[in-house]
Amino acid sequence: MVTLGIPSVYGAPVQTVDVDLHSTTGTIPAALKTRMVASIQGAASYIYKGKEDSYIKESIQAYEKATIDVVDRILYGYTVKSISMDIGESMYMRLTLEPYGNVVQSIETKFNYGNISPYGQSLIHRDIGNVKPRLEQILLGASLESLGWITPLAQKSIRSELEGTLPEFTPQIDIVGGELAKATVYLVPHGNSVHRTDVAIHSNTLPSALFYNMRQYYEKKLQQLEGLPVSFVRRHQLMIESEIQEELNISRGVTQFGVTMTPELQVGTDTRLDIHVDSSKYILRGEGYLDMGRGVDSVGLRVYTGVHRGPHDWYLETEFLPNRLKWSFAPSYGYQFSKDTKVGYQYSLPNHHHHGFVYQNIGTRWNARYERDITAKANEFALSYDVHEYLRLEYVWGDQDRWLRLIGRI
């Protein structure tokens, strides 16, 4: 330092203190070392900054002893084995540390998923990423006595690691010390979870009953999503649908009979899998109905048989009325105008009436229907609700009366 052009006889004051740590075992985990350096550097700066370097040099042994005493009080699980200092305006301090007792030599990491199913665990595991390597970086070589100090560092590091890849869970870490340290990562879900799941088979060309076993299989599969956060399932929705699609593509109905199967997952606290099944060639389905509030022809059976080509349907509607033992037949044509709208024409026998119709899907369960008997100039409107793929409730408005219809589909 120069004052009024005259060199100070006391030397220069210390401006900065840099600390370098080493271990007698050769390794200090990087995260632990960073925290140690910060703590020691803060204490050393308090001791040395502003003091004349010449004064420190004169009492170097006393300063080294005081520094060792302070550092031993700061650190957990380590003691200072040796110290050396380069004194100057920029002071450099080199410490060699020795751990108390044994150090962590290997780590066994486990994940606790709570009551989440094996399939749910497999989805989570894909997002866990580098948790195990990160824990090894933090713990390997650490003194067993320092684990109480290092565990919060591990917690903070793992939370930071999973914040971007697994935001729907909060990790909690428990570490049991030993040369073989055992780390358990508890994954705690937050937000709304999937409470209930359901599967529905939808087909305009084939009986849903043909796919009963497939429905049971996917009901069991979908139940494995229960307990997972809704946001987690929604984030993985495309992947889950893709996996299901791959399974459906190798099913017997697709490979041998040309059936098209498309899964659609509706994610929420009540999650539902809709599988849309249609034949690219044939139409074969049946239904029975029971009318309540209608005095005539209140029970009937219908069978639809025909062919399907793109948006075009050519089929025969066969109806049997058991109360009168009467049969009727209606050659029909339908055109799928859009995904939710279908229009068509029927010619009914034996009464030789011409009919036009419009079917409209409203969401996933509601449907509307309008039919016009062109010959008799009669109208019929209906609004229906699909309880499930085998049962539909329909309320019908005719020109003269109204009734409730229960429709069972096979």
Protein backbone atom coordinates (compact mmCIF):
# COMPACT_ATOMS: atom_id res chain seq x y z
CA MET A 1 0.00 0.00 0.00
CA VAL A 2 1.27 3.55 -0.80
CA THR A 3 0.25 6.55 1.29
CA LEU A 4 1.26 10.08 0.03
CA GLY A 5 3.94 8.39 -2.07
CA ILE A 6 5.55 6.69 0.96
CA PRO A 7 5.36 2.81 1.22
CA SER A 8 3.54 1.55 4.32
CA VAL A 9 5.82 -0.04 6.86
CA TYR A 10 2.94 -2.33 7.88
CA GLY A 11 2.50 -3.94 4.44
CA ALA A 12 -0.72 -4.30 2.47
CA PRO A 13 -4.11 -5.24 3.96
CA VAL A 14 -5.73 -8.51 2.91
CA GLN A 15 -8.46 -7.87 0.31
CA THR A 16 -9.64 -11.36 -0.63
CA VAL A 17 -9.40 -14.89 0.80
CA ASP A 18 -9.57 -17.99 -1.41
CA VAL A 19 -9.91 -21.46 0.11
CA ASP A 20 -8.90 -24.79 -1.42
CA LEU A 21 -9.86 -28.09 0.23
CA HIS A 22 -8.39 -31.56 -0.06
CA SER A 23 -9.05 -34.80 1.79
CA THR A 24 -6.67 -37.43 3.09
CA THR A 25 -9.01 -39.97 1.47
CA GLY A 26 -8.64 -38.23 -1.88
CA THR A 27 -12.34 -37.41 -2.38
CA ILE A 28 -14.81 -34.86 -1.07
CA PRO A 29 -18.23 -34.86 -2.81
CA ALA A 30 -18.51 -31.76 -4.97
CA ALA A 31 -21.74 -30.46 -3.38
CA LEU A 32 -20.34 -30.95 0.12
CA LYS A 33 -17.03 -29.37 -0.86
CA THR A 34 -18.80 -26.30 -2.26
CA ARG A 35 -20.70 -25.82 0.98
CA MET A 36 -17.57 -26.36 3.07
CA VAL A 37 -15.59 -23.84 1.01
CA ALA A 38 -18.35 -21.24 1.33
CA SER A 39 -18.54 -21.69 5.12
CA ILE A 40 -14.76 -21.65 5.63
CA GLN A 41 -14.29 -18.73 3.26
CA GLY A 42 -16.87 -16.70 5.14
CA ALA A 43 -15.15 -17.34 8.48
CA ALA A 44 -11.64 -16.75 7.04
CA SER A 45 -12.72 -13.46 5.44
CA TYR A 46 -14.01 -12.32 8.82
CA ILE A 47 -10.65 -13.18 10.43
CA TYR A 48 -8.23 -11.89 7.80
CA LYS A 49 -9.78 -9.22 5.57
CA GLY A 50 -8.42 -5.76 6.32
CA LYS A 51 -5.52 -7.00 8.42
CA GLU A 52 -1.98 -6.11 7.34
CA ASP A 53 -0.25 -9.06 5.69
CA SER A 54 3.01 -8.31 7.52
CA TYR A 55 1.24 -8.54 10.88
CA ILE A 56 -0.28 -11.92 9.93
CA LYS A 57 3.13 -13.21 8.84
CA GLU A 58 4.65 -12.24 12.17
CA SER A 59 2.02 -14.33 14.03
CA ILE A 60 1.47 -17.00 11.41
CA GLN A 61 1.46 -19.93 13.81
CA ALA A 62 -1.12 -18.33 16.08
CA TYR A 63 -3.32 -17.52 13.08
CA GLU A 64 -3.03 -21.06 11.71
CA LYS A 65 -4.01 -22.52 15.10
CA ALA A 66 -6.97 -20.14 15.38
CA THR A 67 -8.06 -20.95 11.83
CA ILE A 68 -7.89 -24.70 12.47
CA ASP A 69 -9.93 -24.28 15.63
CA VAL A 70 -12.63 -22.26 13.81
CA VAL A 71 -12.79 -24.68 10.86
CA ASP A 72 -13.08 -27.70 13.17
CA ARG A 73 -16.06 -26.02 14.80
CA ILE A 74 -17.70 -25.27 11.45
CA LEU A 75 -17.34 -28.65 9.78
CA TYR A 76 -19.27 -31.79 10.61
CA GLY A 77 -17.56 -35.14 10.15
CA TYR A 78 -14.15 -33.68 9.23
CA THR A 79 -11.12 -32.30 11.05
CA VAL A 80 -8.23 -30.21 9.72
CA LYS A 81 -5.13 -32.33 9.20
CA SER A 82 -2.90 -29.59 7.83
CA ILE A 83 -3.02 -25.96 6.76
CA SER A 84 -0.85 -23.70 4.62
CA MET A 85 -1.40 -20.05 3.70
CA ASP A 86 0.06 -17.68 1.12
CA ILE A 87 -0.24 -14.25 2.71
CA GLY A 88 -0.85 -11.16 0.61
CA GLU A 89 -3.56 -8.80 -0.61
CA SER A 90 -5.05 -11.87 -2.29
CA MET A 91 -4.70 -14.53 0.35
CA TYR A 92 -4.73 -18.23 -0.55
CA MET A 93 -5.49 -20.91 2.08
CA ARG A 94 -5.00 -24.62 1.49
CA LEU A 95 -6.59 -27.09 3.96
CA THR A 96 -6.25 -30.85 4.08
CA LEU A 97 -9.18 -32.49 5.85
CA GLU A 98 -9.52 -35.92 7.39
CA PRO A 99 -12.94 -37.53 7.86
CA TYR A 100 -14.01 -38.89 11.21
CA GLY A 101 -14.12 -42.68 10.93
CA ASN A 102 -15.41 -44.29 7.74
CA VAL A 103 -16.66 -42.70 4.52
CA VAL A 104 -19.44 -43.67 2.10
CA GLN A 105 -17.97 -46.12 -0.40
CA SER A 106 -21.09 -47.20 -2.28
CA ILE A 107 -24.79 -46.27 -2.44
CA GLU A 108 -27.94 -48.31 -2.78
CA THR A 109 -30.80 -46.16 -4.06
CA LYS A 110 -34.46 -47.17 -3.86
CA PHE A 111 -37.64 -45.37 -4.84
CA ASN A 112 -40.79 -45.55 -2.74
CA TYR A 113 -43.88 -45.03 -4.91
CA GLY A 114 -46.49 -45.54 -2.19
CA ASN A 115 -49.60 -47.37 -3.44
CA ILE A 116 -48.97 -46.65 -7.13
CA SER A 117 -49.32 -49.67 -9.42
CA PRO A 118 -46.37 -51.33 -11.22
CA TYR A 119 -47.53 -49.82 -14.52
CA GLY A 120 -47.73 -46.37 -12.94
CA GLN A 121 -44.25 -46.89 -11.48
CA SER A 122 -42.90 -47.75 -14.92
CA LEU A 123 -44.29 -44.46 -16.28
CA ILE A 124 -42.70 -42.52 -13.42
CA HIS A 125 -39.39 -44.33 -13.79
CA ARG A 126 -39.05 -43.00 -17.34
CA ASP A 127 -39.02 -39.46 -15.95
CA ILE A 128 -36.67 -40.03 -13.00
CA GLY A 129 -33.59 -39.44 -15.11
CA ASN A 130 -30.23 -39.06 -13.37
CA VAL A 131 -31.30 -39.24 -9.74
CA LYS A 132 -29.03 -42.19 -8.90
CA PRO A 133 -25.88 -40.66 -10.48
CA ARG A 134 -26.67 -37.34 -8.78
CA LEU A 135 -26.89 -39.00 -5.35
CA GLU A 136 -23.60 -40.77 -6.00
CA GLN A 137 -21.94 -37.44 -6.80
CA ILE A 138 -23.23 -35.99 -3.56
CA LEU A 139 -22.57 -38.90 -1.19
CA LEU A 140 -19.63 -40.99 -2.40
CA GLY A 141 -16.54 -40.25 -0.31
CA ALA A 142 -18.46 -38.26 2.31
CA SER A 143 -17.74 -38.83 5.99
CA LEU A 144 -20.49 -40.77 7.72
CA GLU A 145 -20.50 -38.09 10.40
CA SER A 146 -21.35 -35.44 7.79
CA LEU A 147 -24.56 -37.07 6.55
CA GLY A 148 -26.75 -34.89 8.74
CA TRP A 149 -25.19 -31.90 7.04
CA ILE A 150 -25.23 -33.33 3.53
CA THR A 151 -28.80 -34.72 3.48
CA PRO A 152 -30.41 -31.27 2.97
CA LEU A 153 -28.00 -30.74 0.06
CA ALA A 154 -29.12 -34.03 -1.47
CA GLN A 155 -32.77 -33.09 -0.95
CA LYS A 156 -32.34 -29.74 -2.65
CA SER A 157 -30.34 -31.23 -5.52
CA ILE A 158 -32.85 -34.01 -6.25
CA ARG A 159 -35.79 -31.62 -6.10
CA SER A 160 -34.01 -29.41 -8.59
CA GLU A 161 -33.30 -32.48 -10.77
CA LEU A 162 -36.95 -33.61 -10.83
CA GLU A 163 -38.54 -30.18 -10.99
CA GLY A 164 -38.50 -30.19 -14.77
CA THR A 165 -38.90 -33.91 -15.49
CA LEU A 166 -41.36 -34.97 -12.77
CA PRO A 167 -43.18 -31.82 -11.58
CA GLU A 168 -46.24 -33.74 -10.34
CA PHE A 169 -44.30 -35.30 -7.45
CA THR A 170 -42.32 -33.89 -4.52
CA PRO A 171 -39.27 -36.02 -3.60
CA GLN A 172 -38.41 -36.65 0.04
CA ILE A 173 -35.06 -38.32 0.77
CA ASP A 174 -34.02 -40.52 3.67
CA ILE A 175 -30.36 -41.59 3.95
CA VAL A 176 -29.13 -44.34 6.24
CA GLY A 177 -25.37 -44.03 6.73
CA GLY A 178 -22.77 -46.75 6.35
CA GLU A 179 -19.94 -47.66 4.04
CA LEU A 180 -22.85 -48.93 1.94
CA ALA A 181 -25.22 -45.98 2.30
CA LYS A 182 -28.91 -46.62 1.66
CA ALA A 183 -30.88 -43.77 0.10
CA THR A 184 -34.67 -43.96 -0.21
CA VAL A 185 -36.42 -41.43 -2.43
CA TYR A 186 -40.11 -41.05 -1.50
CA LEU A 187 -42.18 -39.65 -4.36
CA VAL A 188 -45.17 -37.78 -2.93
CA PRO A 189 -47.88 -36.90 -5.52
CA HIS A 190 -49.60 -33.55 -5.31
CA GLY A 191 -52.69 -32.13 -6.98
CA ASN A 192 -55.80 -34.10 -7.98
CA SER A 193 -55.35 -37.83 -8.55
CA VAL A 194 -57.18 -40.34 -10.74
CA HIS A 195 -59.83 -41.90 -8.48
CA ARG A 196 -61.83 -44.03 -10.92
CA THR A 197 -61.35 -45.50 -14.39
CA ASP A 198 -63.69 -46.97 -16.98
CA VAL A 199 -63.49 -48.48 -20.47
CA ALA A 200 -66.11 -48.20 -23.22
CA ILE A 201 -66.24 -49.94 -26.61
CA HIS A 202 -67.96 -47.97 -29.38
CA SER A 203 -68.92 -49.46 -32.74
CA ASN A 204 -71.36 -48.46 -35.43
CA THR A 205 -70.72 -51.59 -37.49
CA LEU A 206 -70.06 -54.50 -35.11
CA PRO A 207 -71.61 -55.84 -31.88
CA SER A 208 -69.78 -54.53 -28.81
CA ALA A 209 -70.34 -57.92 -27.16
CA LEU A 210 -67.71 -59.38 -29.51
CA PHE A 211 -65.09 -57.30 -27.69
CA TYR A 212 -66.10 -58.11 -24.11
CA ASN A 213 -62.80 -59.85 -23.28
CA MET A 214 -60.85 -56.92 -24.71
CA ARG A 215 -62.83 -54.55 -22.55
CA GLN A 216 -62.07 -56.59 -19.41
CA TYR A 217 -58.34 -56.56 -20.28
CA TYR A 218 -58.23 -52.78 -20.62
CA GLU A 219 -60.35 -52.24 -17.52
CA LYS A 220 -57.61 -53.99 -15.51
CA LYS A 221 -54.89 -52.07 -17.37
CA LEU A 222 -56.57 -48.71 -16.85
CA GLN A 223 -57.09 -49.36 -13.12
CA GLN A 224 -53.31 -49.14 -12.82
CA LEU A 225 -53.57 -45.40 -13.50
CA GLU A 226 -55.56 -44.89 -10.29
CA GLY A 227 -53.61 -42.93 -7.67
CA LEU A 228 -51.49 -41.08 -10.24
CA PRO A 229 -51.83 -37.27 -10.45
CA VAL A 230 -54.25 -36.21 -13.19
CA SER A 231 -51.65 -33.80 -14.58
CA PHE A 232 -49.08 -36.62 -14.80
CA VAL A 233 -51.47 -38.90 -16.74
CA ARG A 234 -52.46 -36.03 -19.01
CA ARG A 235 -48.78 -35.30 -19.74
CA HIS A 236 -48.30 -38.96 -20.71
CA GLN A 237 -51.63 -39.29 -22.54
CA LEU A 238 -50.21 -39.53 -26.05
CA MET A 239 -47.67 -42.12 -24.96
CA ILE A 240 -50.32 -44.25 -23.22
CA GLU A 241 -52.63 -44.03 -26.24
CA SER A 242 -49.72 -44.97 -28.50
CA GLU A 243 -48.92 -48.06 -26.38
CA ILE A 244 -52.57 -49.15 -26.45
CA GLN A 245 -52.74 -48.55 -30.20
CA GLU A 246 -49.70 -50.79 -30.72
CA GLU A 247 -51.42 -53.55 -28.71
CA LEU A 248 -54.65 -53.15 -30.68
CA ASN A 249 -52.79 -53.24 -34.00
CA ILE A 250 -51.55 -56.77 -33.32
CA SER A 251 -54.88 -58.06 -32.03
CA ARG A 252 -56.71 -60.82 -33.93
CA GLY A 253 -59.57 -58.57 -35.01
CA VAL A 254 -57.17 -56.17 -36.75
CA THR A 255 -54.74 -58.66 -38.28
CA GLN A 256 -57.30 -61.23 -39.50
CA PHE A 257 -60.58 -59.37 -40.03
CA GLY A 258 -59.49 -55.86 -41.02
CA VAL A 259 -61.17 -54.21 -38.02
CA THR A 260 -60.08 -50.65 -37.21
CA MET A 261 -59.52 -49.92 -33.50
CA THR A 262 -58.69 -46.45 -32.20
CA PRO A 263 -58.16 -45.62 -28.49
CA GLU A 264 -59.06 -42.25 -27.01
CA LEU A 265 -58.21 -41.43 -23.39
CA GLN A 266 -60.39 -38.97 -21.49
CA VAL A 267 -58.20 -37.88 -18.54
CA GLY A 268 -59.57 -36.54 -15.26
CA THR A 269 -60.29 -37.65 -11.70
CA ASP A 270 -62.65 -40.03 -13.50
CA THR A 271 -60.57 -41.29 -16.42
CA ARG A 272 -62.14 -43.20 -19.29
CA LEU A 273 -60.73 -45.10 -22.24
CA ASP A 274 -62.96 -45.08 -25.34
CA ILE A 275 -62.04 -47.67 -27.97
CA HIS A 276 -63.69 -46.99 -31.31
CA VAL A 277 -64.09 -50.24 -33.23
CA ASP A 278 -65.30 -50.40 -36.79
CA SER A 279 -65.12 -52.85 -39.64
CA SER A 280 -63.74 -51.46 -42.86
CA LYS A 281 -65.98 -53.90 -44.81
CA TYR A 282 -69.04 -55.21 -42.97
CA ILE A 283 -71.92 -54.10 -40.78
CA LEU A 284 -73.31 -56.55 -38.24
CA ARG A 285 -75.03 -55.38 -35.08
CA GLY A 286 -78.28 -55.83 -33.19
CA GLU A 287 -80.43 -54.21 -30.53
CA GLY A 288 -83.62 -54.69 -28.62
CA TYR A 289 -85.90 -51.93 -27.32
CA LEU A 290 -88.64 -51.47 -24.74
CA ASP A 291 -90.93 -48.43 -24.88
CA MET A 292 -92.53 -47.01 -21.73
CA GLY A 293 -95.54 -44.74 -22.27
CA ARG A 294 -96.34 -46.09 -25.72
CA GLY A 295 -99.30 -48.40 -26.18
CA VAL A 296 -98.47 -50.04 -29.49
CA ASP A 297 -95.39 -51.91 -30.72
CA SER A 298 -93.60 -51.21 -27.43
CA VAL A 299 -91.17 -54.13 -27.74
CA GLY A 300 -88.98 -54.82 -30.73
CA LEU A 301 -85.78 -56.41 -32.00
CA ARG A 302 -83.59 -55.02 -34.78
CA VAL A 303 -80.67 -56.45 -36.73
CA TYR A 304 -78.47 -54.43 -39.09
CA THR A 305 -76.47 -56.28 -41.77
CA GLY A 306 -74.59 -54.78 -44.69
CA VAL A 307 -71.36 -53.39 -46.06
CA HIS A 308 -69.31 -50.35 -45.19
CA ARG A 309 -67.12 -48.40 -47.65
CA GLY A 310 -65.53 -45.22 -46.37
CA PRO A 311 -68.33 -42.78 -45.46
CA HIS A 312 -70.93 -44.93 -47.27
CA ASP A 313 -73.11 -47.61 -45.61
CA TRP A 314 -75.43 -49.99 -47.48
CA TYR A 315 -77.37 -52.21 -45.12
CA LEU A 316 -80.63 -53.98 -44.38
CA GLU A 317 -82.52 -53.12 -41.19
CA THR A 318 -84.61 -56.11 -40.09
CA GLU A 319 -87.17 -55.54 -37.33
CA PHE A 320 -89.28 -58.09 -35.44
CA LEU A 321 -92.27 -57.08 -33.27
CA PRO A 322 -92.97 -60.04 -30.93
CA ASN A 323 -96.33 -58.70 -29.70
CA ARG A 324 -97.76 -59.00 -33.22
CA LEU A 325 -95.26 -61.54 -34.60
CA LYS A 326 -94.62 -59.09 -37.40
CA TRP A 327 -91.49 -58.72 -39.51
CA SER A 328 -90.41 -55.62 -41.45
CA PHE A 329 -87.43 -54.88 -43.65
CA ALA A 330 -85.79 -51.59 -44.65
CA PRO A 331 -83.06 -51.45 -47.29
CA SER A 332 -80.99 -48.43 -46.20
CA TYR A 333 -78.21 -46.09 -47.22
CA GLY A 334 -76.22 -43.92 -44.83
CA TYR A 335 -73.61 -41.26 -45.46
CA GLN A 336 -71.21 -40.16 -42.73
CA PHE A 337 -71.31 -36.43 -43.43
CA SER A 338 -68.82 -35.63 -40.67
CA LYS A 339 -67.35 -37.30 -37.60
CA ASP A 340 -70.54 -36.62 -35.61
CA THR A 341 -73.21 -36.32 -38.30
CA LYS A 342 -74.82 -39.03 -40.42
CA VAL A 343 -77.65 -38.67 -42.95
CA GLY A 344 -79.49 -41.41 -44.82
CA TYR A 345 -82.48 -42.91 -46.57
CA GLN A 346 -84.66 -46.03 -45.94
CA TYR A 347 -87.31 -47.81 -47.94
CA SER A 348 -89.46 -49.86 -45.60
CA LEU A 349 -91.27 -53.06 -46.45
CA PRO A 350 -94.00 -54.26 -46.53
CA ASN A 351 -95.65 -50.80 -46.24
CA HIS A 352 -93.50 -49.23 -49.01
CA HIS A 353 -92.79 -46.02 -47.09
CA HIS A 354 -89.86 -43.72 -47.80
CA HIS A 355 -87.87 -42.41 -44.83
CA GLY A 356 -85.11 -39.87 -44.36
CA PHE A 357 -83.00 -39.54 -41.20
CA VAL A 358 -80.28 -37.48 -39.54
CA TYR A 359 -78.17 -38.77 -36.60
CA GLN A 360 -76.07 -36.32 -34.58
CA ASN A 361 -73.57 -37.14 -31.82
CA ILE A 362 -73.40 -34.54 -29.05
CA GLY A 363 -70.20 -35.09 -27.09
CA THR A 364 -69.27 -38.61 -26.05
CA ARG A 365 -72.57 -39.88 -24.59
CA TRP A 366 -75.41 -37.73 -25.92
CA ASN A 367 -77.05 -38.24 -29.30
CA ALA A 368 -79.90 -36.66 -31.25
CA ARG A 369 -82.05 -38.26 -33.97
CA TYR A 370 -84.58 -36.96 -36.48
CA GLU A 371 -86.59 -39.24 -38.79
CA ARG A 372 -89.12 -38.23 -41.41
CA ASP A 373 -91.68 -40.66 -42.87
CA ILE A 374 -91.92 -38.96 -46.24
CA THR A 375 -94.86 -41.09 -47.38
CA ALA A 376 -97.00 -40.63 -44.24
CA LYS A 377 -95.69 -37.09 -43.59
CA ALA A 378 -94.86 -37.99 -39.98
CA ASN A 379 -91.94 -36.77 -37.87
CA GLU A 380 -90.04 -38.29 -34.98
CA PHE A 381 -87.41 -36.55 -32.82
CA ALA A 382 -85.30 -38.27 -30.16
CA LEU A 383 -82.60 -37.39 -27.62
CA SER A 384 -80.60 -40.25 -26.18
CA TYR A 385 -77.94 -40.88 -23.52
CA ASP A 386 -75.48 -43.79 -23.60
CA VAL A 387 -75.34 -45.26 -20.08
CA HIS A 388 -72.59 -47.52 -21.42
CA GLU A 389 -71.89 -49.28 -24.71
CA TYR A 390 -74.61 -51.89 -24.07
CA LEU A 391 -77.42 -49.61 -22.84
CA ARG A 392 -79.00 -46.42 -24.18
CA LEU A 393 -81.86 -44.32 -22.81
CA GLU A 394 -83.86 -42.40 -25.42
CA TYR A 395 -86.72 -39.92 -25.11
CA VAL A 396 -88.85 -39.76 -28.28
CA TRP A 397 -91.22 -37.04 -29.53
CA GLY A 398 -93.72 -38.12 -32.18
CA ASP A 399 -96.34 -35.97 -33.87
CA GLN A 400 -99.02 -37.47 -31.63
CA ASP A 401 -97.31 -38.81 -28.50
CA ARG A 402 -94.09 -39.10 -26.49
CA TRP A 403 -92.39 -42.02 -24.78
CA LEU A 404 -89.21 -43.25 -23.10
CA ARG A 405 -87.27 -45.99 -24.85
CA LEU A 406 -84.78 -48.36 -23.26
CA ILE A 407 -82.36 -49.78 -25.87
CA GLY A 408 -80.11 -52.73 -25.22
CA ARG A 409 -77.29 -53.23 -27.74
CA ILE A 410 -75.31 -56.35 -28.44
